[in-house]
Amino acid sequence: ALCACAPREAPEAEAASLALDCAAGYEALQSQIVGRPGLRPAPIERNEPYRIYSEADGSASYILTEPGAPAHPAVLKQTAVRRAGVLAMENEGCAFGDAGAYADLKAYWDSVAQAR
C-alpha cells in the first residue's frame, strides 16, 4: 500500500544550457533559443540592436543581434562560471557577418561581464 508520506521523487535536474552549434547558422540558432522552454526574454531596449534571453536559473544568457546591428547576424552566449570561488561570466558566440563588428560586440559584452 502507498503511504501519503512516501518520499517524493527527486526533481529532475535543470536542463543544461544550449550548446551553440555555429554550423547550424543564425536562423537555426535563433529558433532554438527563442523556442527554448523556460527562457525569459529581457525587456526590449529601443536603442539596443539585440535581444537577450536568459535561462530561468541564471546560468546562461543568449544575445541575438537584430537587423541593423553592425555585427548582425551574430549570437553570443554568456555563461556564469565560478573561478576560485568567484562568480564570473564567460562569453562565446557565432559570427555570421562582419568579423570586425563581431569582435567589437564581443569586446563590449566582455567589458560588461567584467564590470559585474
N, C-alpha and C. Protein backbone atom coordinates (compact mmCIF):
# COMPACT_ATOMS: atom_id res chain seq x y z
N ALA A 1 0.85 -1.18 0.00
CA ALA A 1 0.00 0.00 0.00
C ALA A 1 0.89 1.24 0.00
N LEU A 2 0.41 2.26 -0.66
CA LEU A 2 1.15 3.52 -0.71
C LEU A 2 0.82 4.35 0.51
N CYS A 3 1.78 5.02 1.00
CA CYS A 3 1.60 5.90 2.15
C CYS A 3 1.62 7.33 1.65
N ALA A 4 0.78 8.16 2.16
CA ALA A 4 0.73 9.57 1.76
C ALA A 4 2.01 10.30 2.12
N CYS A 5 2.79 9.72 3.01
CA CYS A 5 4.02 10.40 3.41
C CYS A 5 5.25 9.77 2.75
N ALA A 6 5.04 9.02 1.69
CA ALA A 6 6.17 8.43 0.97
C ALA A 6 7.02 9.54 0.39
N PRO A 7 8.34 9.34 0.36
CA PRO A 7 9.20 10.40 -0.19
C PRO A 7 8.91 10.64 -1.66
N ARG A 8 8.96 11.88 -2.03
CA ARG A 8 8.75 12.25 -3.42
C ARG A 8 10.01 11.95 -4.21
N GLU A 9 9.82 11.74 -5.50
CA GLU A 9 10.99 11.54 -6.33
C GLU A 9 11.78 12.83 -6.39
N ALA A 10 13.08 12.71 -6.55
CA ALA A 10 13.93 13.90 -6.67
C ALA A 10 13.54 14.66 -7.93
N PRO A 11 13.51 15.99 -7.86
CA PRO A 11 13.17 16.75 -9.05
C PRO A 11 14.21 16.53 -10.13
N GLU A 12 13.77 16.60 -11.37
CA GLU A 12 14.72 16.44 -12.48
C GLU A 12 15.72 17.58 -12.46
N ALA A 13 16.92 17.26 -12.85
CA ALA A 13 17.96 18.29 -12.90
C ALA A 13 17.60 19.32 -13.96
N GLU A 14 18.02 20.54 -13.72
CA GLU A 14 17.81 21.60 -14.70
C GLU A 14 18.46 21.21 -16.02
N ALA A 15 17.81 21.54 -17.11
CA ALA A 15 18.39 21.27 -18.41
C ALA A 15 19.65 22.10 -18.58
N ALA A 16 20.65 21.52 -19.19
CA ALA A 16 21.88 22.25 -19.44
C ALA A 16 21.60 23.38 -20.42
N SER A 17 22.44 24.41 -20.37
CA SER A 17 22.27 25.49 -21.31
C SER A 17 22.52 24.98 -22.72
N LEU A 18 22.02 25.70 -23.67
CA LEU A 18 22.12 25.32 -25.07
C LEU A 18 23.55 25.45 -25.56
N ALA A 19 24.06 24.41 -26.19
CA ALA A 19 25.39 24.48 -26.82
C ALA A 19 25.22 25.16 -28.17
N LEU A 20 26.05 26.15 -28.44
CA LEU A 20 25.96 26.86 -29.71
C LEU A 20 26.64 26.06 -30.81
N ASP A 21 25.89 25.67 -31.81
CA ASP A 21 26.43 24.98 -32.98
C ASP A 21 26.43 25.99 -34.12
N CYS A 22 27.56 26.68 -34.28
CA CYS A 22 27.65 27.75 -35.28
C CYS A 22 27.39 27.25 -36.69
N ALA A 23 27.68 25.98 -36.94
CA ALA A 23 27.45 25.43 -38.28
C ALA A 23 25.96 25.42 -38.64
N ALA A 24 25.09 25.47 -37.64
CA ALA A 24 23.65 25.46 -37.89
C ALA A 24 23.18 26.76 -38.54
N GLY A 25 23.90 27.85 -38.33
CA GLY A 25 23.51 29.14 -38.90
C GLY A 25 22.69 29.97 -37.93
N TYR A 26 22.61 31.27 -38.23
CA TYR A 26 21.94 32.22 -37.35
C TYR A 26 20.46 31.88 -37.14
N GLU A 27 19.73 31.66 -38.24
CA GLU A 27 18.29 31.44 -38.13
C GLU A 27 17.98 30.21 -37.28
N ALA A 28 18.75 29.13 -37.46
CA ALA A 28 18.51 27.91 -36.68
C ALA A 28 18.80 28.16 -35.20
N LEU A 29 19.91 28.85 -34.90
CA LEU A 29 20.22 29.15 -33.50
C LEU A 29 19.17 30.06 -32.89
N GLN A 30 18.75 31.06 -33.64
CA GLN A 30 17.71 31.96 -33.15
C GLN A 30 16.44 31.18 -32.81
N SER A 31 16.05 30.27 -33.69
CA SER A 31 14.84 29.46 -33.44
C SER A 31 15.01 28.58 -32.21
N GLN A 32 16.20 27.97 -32.07
CA GLN A 32 16.45 27.12 -30.90
C GLN A 32 16.39 27.93 -29.61
N ILE A 33 16.95 29.11 -29.64
CA ILE A 33 16.98 29.95 -28.44
C ILE A 33 15.59 30.46 -28.10
N VAL A 34 14.93 31.07 -29.06
CA VAL A 34 13.60 31.66 -28.81
C VAL A 34 12.59 30.58 -28.42
N GLY A 35 12.74 29.37 -28.96
CA GLY A 35 11.81 28.29 -28.66
C GLY A 35 12.18 27.46 -27.45
N ARG A 36 13.26 27.79 -26.78
CA ARG A 36 13.71 27.00 -25.64
C ARG A 36 12.79 27.22 -24.43
N PRO A 37 12.25 26.12 -23.88
CA PRO A 37 11.35 26.26 -22.73
C PRO A 37 12.04 26.90 -21.53
N GLY A 38 11.34 27.77 -20.85
CA GLY A 38 11.84 28.36 -19.61
C GLY A 38 12.72 29.58 -19.77
N LEU A 39 13.04 29.96 -20.99
CA LEU A 39 13.85 31.17 -21.16
C LEU A 39 13.02 32.41 -20.88
N ARG A 40 13.67 33.39 -20.30
CA ARG A 40 13.00 34.67 -20.02
C ARG A 40 13.57 35.73 -20.93
N PRO A 41 12.74 36.37 -21.75
CA PRO A 41 13.25 37.46 -22.58
C PRO A 41 13.43 38.72 -21.74
N ALA A 42 14.51 39.43 -21.97
CA ALA A 42 14.72 40.72 -21.31
C ALA A 42 13.81 41.74 -21.96
N PRO A 43 13.47 42.80 -21.25
CA PRO A 43 12.67 43.86 -21.87
C PRO A 43 13.40 44.41 -23.11
N ILE A 44 12.63 44.78 -24.09
CA ILE A 44 13.21 45.33 -25.32
C ILE A 44 13.69 46.74 -25.04
N GLU A 45 14.95 46.99 -25.38
CA GLU A 45 15.55 48.32 -25.24
C GLU A 45 15.54 48.95 -26.63
N ARG A 46 14.86 50.06 -26.79
CA ARG A 46 14.70 50.67 -28.12
C ARG A 46 16.01 51.03 -28.80
N ASN A 47 17.02 51.42 -28.05
CA ASN A 47 18.28 51.86 -28.64
C ASN A 47 19.33 50.76 -28.74
N GLU A 48 18.97 49.53 -28.38
CA GLU A 48 19.93 48.43 -28.43
C GLU A 48 19.56 47.49 -29.57
N PRO A 49 20.51 47.16 -30.45
CA PRO A 49 20.20 46.34 -31.62
C PRO A 49 20.31 44.83 -31.38
N TYR A 50 19.85 44.38 -30.23
CA TYR A 50 19.89 42.95 -29.93
C TYR A 50 18.77 42.61 -28.96
N ARG A 51 18.48 41.30 -28.87
CA ARG A 51 17.53 40.77 -27.90
C ARG A 51 18.28 39.82 -26.99
N ILE A 52 17.90 39.80 -25.72
CA ILE A 52 18.55 38.95 -24.74
C ILE A 52 17.52 38.00 -24.13
N TYR A 53 17.89 36.74 -24.02
CA TYR A 53 17.06 35.72 -23.39
C TYR A 53 17.92 35.04 -22.33
N SER A 54 17.35 34.81 -21.13
CA SER A 54 18.12 34.22 -20.02
C SER A 54 17.48 32.93 -19.53
N GLU A 55 18.33 31.98 -19.17
CA GLU A 55 17.86 30.75 -18.54
C GLU A 55 17.21 31.12 -17.20
N ALA A 56 16.17 30.41 -16.82
CA ALA A 56 15.44 30.71 -15.59
C ALA A 56 16.34 30.65 -14.36
N ASP A 57 17.35 29.77 -14.39
CA ASP A 57 18.23 29.63 -13.23
C ASP A 57 19.40 30.61 -13.25
N GLY A 58 19.47 31.47 -14.28
CA GLY A 58 20.52 32.47 -14.38
C GLY A 58 21.86 31.92 -14.84
N SER A 59 21.90 30.67 -15.25
CA SER A 59 23.18 30.05 -15.62
C SER A 59 23.72 30.52 -16.97
N ALA A 60 22.85 31.03 -17.83
CA ALA A 60 23.30 31.48 -19.15
C ALA A 60 22.31 32.48 -19.72
N SER A 61 22.84 33.35 -20.58
CA SER A 61 22.02 34.29 -21.35
C SER A 61 22.47 34.21 -22.79
N TYR A 62 21.53 34.47 -23.69
CA TYR A 62 21.80 34.42 -25.12
C TYR A 62 21.48 35.79 -25.71
N ILE A 63 22.41 36.31 -26.48
CA ILE A 63 22.26 37.64 -27.07
C ILE A 63 22.17 37.46 -28.58
N LEU A 64 21.05 37.87 -29.15
CA LEU A 64 20.82 37.76 -30.59
C LEU A 64 20.84 39.16 -31.19
N THR A 65 21.70 39.38 -32.17
CA THR A 65 21.69 40.68 -32.83
C THR A 65 20.44 40.78 -33.70
N GLU A 66 20.04 42.01 -33.96
CA GLU A 66 18.88 42.27 -34.82
C GLU A 66 19.35 42.97 -36.09
N PRO A 67 18.53 42.91 -37.13
CA PRO A 67 18.90 43.62 -38.37
C PRO A 67 19.24 45.08 -38.07
N GLY A 68 20.29 45.56 -38.71
CA GLY A 68 20.74 46.92 -38.48
C GLY A 68 21.91 47.01 -37.52
N ALA A 69 22.12 45.96 -36.72
CA ALA A 69 23.27 45.93 -35.80
C ALA A 69 24.54 45.71 -36.62
N PRO A 70 25.64 46.40 -36.29
CA PRO A 70 26.87 46.22 -37.07
C PRO A 70 27.34 44.77 -37.15
N ALA A 71 27.14 43.99 -36.10
CA ALA A 71 27.62 42.61 -36.08
C ALA A 71 26.58 41.61 -36.59
N HIS A 72 25.41 42.08 -36.99
CA HIS A 72 24.34 41.17 -37.41
C HIS A 72 24.72 40.46 -38.69
N PRO A 73 24.42 39.19 -38.78
CA PRO A 73 23.85 38.32 -37.75
C PRO A 73 24.94 37.71 -36.85
N ALA A 74 24.62 37.66 -35.57
CA ALA A 74 25.55 37.07 -34.59
C ALA A 74 24.77 36.61 -33.36
N VAL A 75 25.33 35.63 -32.69
CA VAL A 75 24.77 35.10 -31.45
C VAL A 75 25.89 35.04 -30.42
N LEU A 76 25.63 35.54 -29.23
CA LEU A 76 26.57 35.41 -28.10
C LEU A 76 25.87 34.65 -26.98
N LYS A 77 26.65 33.89 -26.26
CA LYS A 77 26.14 33.19 -25.07
C LYS A 77 27.02 33.59 -23.90
N GLN A 78 26.40 34.06 -22.84
CA GLN A 78 27.10 34.36 -21.58
C GLN A 78 26.78 33.25 -20.61
N THR A 79 27.82 32.67 -20.03
CA THR A 79 27.64 31.58 -19.08
C THR A 79 28.25 31.97 -17.75
N ALA A 80 27.51 31.75 -16.68
CA ALA A 80 28.02 32.00 -15.33
C ALA A 80 28.93 30.86 -14.93
N VAL A 81 30.15 31.19 -14.53
CA VAL A 81 31.12 30.19 -14.08
C VAL A 81 31.71 30.66 -12.75
N ARG A 82 32.18 29.71 -11.99
CA ARG A 82 32.81 30.04 -10.70
C ARG A 82 34.29 29.70 -10.80
N ARG A 83 35.12 30.72 -10.59
CA ARG A 83 36.58 30.54 -10.61
C ARG A 83 37.13 30.94 -9.26
N ALA A 84 37.78 29.98 -8.60
CA ALA A 84 38.36 30.24 -7.27
C ALA A 84 37.32 30.87 -6.34
N GLY A 85 36.10 30.38 -6.43
CA GLY A 85 35.04 30.85 -5.57
C GLY A 85 34.39 32.15 -5.98
N VAL A 86 34.82 32.72 -7.09
CA VAL A 86 34.27 33.99 -7.57
C VAL A 86 33.42 33.74 -8.81
N LEU A 87 32.22 34.27 -8.80
CA LEU A 87 31.32 34.13 -9.95
C LEU A 87 31.77 35.07 -11.06
N ALA A 88 31.88 34.53 -12.26
CA ALA A 88 32.29 35.33 -13.43
C ALA A 88 31.42 34.93 -14.62
N MET A 89 31.42 35.78 -15.63
CA MET A 89 30.68 35.49 -16.86
C MET A 89 31.68 35.24 -17.98
N GLU A 90 31.44 34.18 -18.74
CA GLU A 90 32.25 33.89 -19.93
C GLU A 90 31.37 34.06 -21.15
N ASN A 91 31.95 34.60 -22.21
CA ASN A 91 31.21 34.82 -23.46
C ASN A 91 31.79 33.96 -24.57
N GLU A 92 30.91 33.38 -25.34
CA GLU A 92 31.28 32.65 -26.55
C GLU A 92 30.20 32.95 -27.58
N GLY A 93 30.49 32.72 -28.83
CA GLY A 93 29.46 33.02 -29.80
C GLY A 93 29.78 32.62 -31.21
N CYS A 94 28.89 33.06 -32.09
CA CYS A 94 28.98 32.73 -33.50
C CYS A 94 28.78 34.01 -34.31
N ALA A 95 29.74 34.28 -35.18
CA ALA A 95 29.66 35.44 -36.07
C ALA A 95 29.29 34.95 -37.46
N PHE A 96 28.26 35.54 -38.03
CA PHE A 96 27.84 35.17 -39.37
C PHE A 96 27.96 36.35 -40.34
N GLY A 97 28.40 37.48 -39.82
CA GLY A 97 28.55 38.68 -40.64
C GLY A 97 29.97 39.20 -40.55
N ASP A 98 30.10 40.51 -40.40
CA ASP A 98 31.39 41.19 -40.35
C ASP A 98 32.19 40.76 -39.12
N ALA A 99 33.37 40.19 -39.34
CA ALA A 99 34.19 39.67 -38.24
C ALA A 99 34.65 40.79 -37.30
N GLY A 100 35.01 41.95 -37.85
CA GLY A 100 35.44 43.06 -37.01
C GLY A 100 34.33 43.58 -36.13
N ALA A 101 33.13 43.69 -36.68
CA ALA A 101 31.98 44.15 -35.90
C ALA A 101 31.64 43.14 -34.80
N TYR A 102 31.78 41.84 -35.11
CA TYR A 102 31.54 40.82 -34.10
C TYR A 102 32.58 40.93 -32.99
N ALA A 103 33.85 41.15 -33.34
CA ALA A 103 34.90 41.31 -32.32
C ALA A 103 34.57 42.49 -31.41
N ASP A 104 34.06 43.59 -31.98
CA ASP A 104 33.67 44.74 -31.17
C ASP A 104 32.50 44.40 -30.25
N LEU A 105 31.52 43.66 -30.78
CA LEU A 105 30.36 43.24 -29.98
C LEU A 105 30.81 42.37 -28.81
N LYS A 106 31.66 41.39 -29.09
CA LYS A 106 32.14 40.50 -28.03
C LYS A 106 32.96 41.28 -27.01
N ALA A 107 33.80 42.20 -27.47
CA ALA A 107 34.59 43.02 -26.54
C ALA A 107 33.68 43.84 -25.63
N TYR A 108 32.60 44.38 -26.19
CA TYR A 108 31.64 45.15 -25.39
C TYR A 108 31.05 44.26 -24.29
N TRP A 109 30.56 43.07 -24.65
CA TRP A 109 29.94 42.19 -23.66
C TRP A 109 30.97 41.65 -22.68
N ASP A 110 32.22 41.45 -23.13
CA ASP A 110 33.27 41.06 -22.19
C ASP A 110 33.48 42.15 -21.14
N SER A 111 33.45 43.43 -21.57
CA SER A 111 33.63 44.53 -20.63
C SER A 111 32.44 44.63 -19.67
N VAL A 112 31.25 44.37 -20.16
CA VAL A 112 30.06 44.38 -19.30
C VAL A 112 30.19 43.27 -18.24
N ALA A 113 30.64 42.10 -18.66
CA ALA A 113 30.81 40.98 -17.73
C ALA A 113 31.86 41.30 -16.67
N GLN A 114 32.93 41.97 -17.05
CA GLN A 114 33.99 42.35 -16.10
C GLN A 114 33.48 43.33 -15.06
N ALA A 115 32.54 44.19 -15.47
CA ALA A 115 32.03 45.23 -14.57
C ALA A 115 31.07 44.68 -13.53
N ARG A 116 30.55 43.49 -13.75
CA ARG A 116 29.55 42.92 -12.82
C ARG A 116 30.19 42.40 -11.58
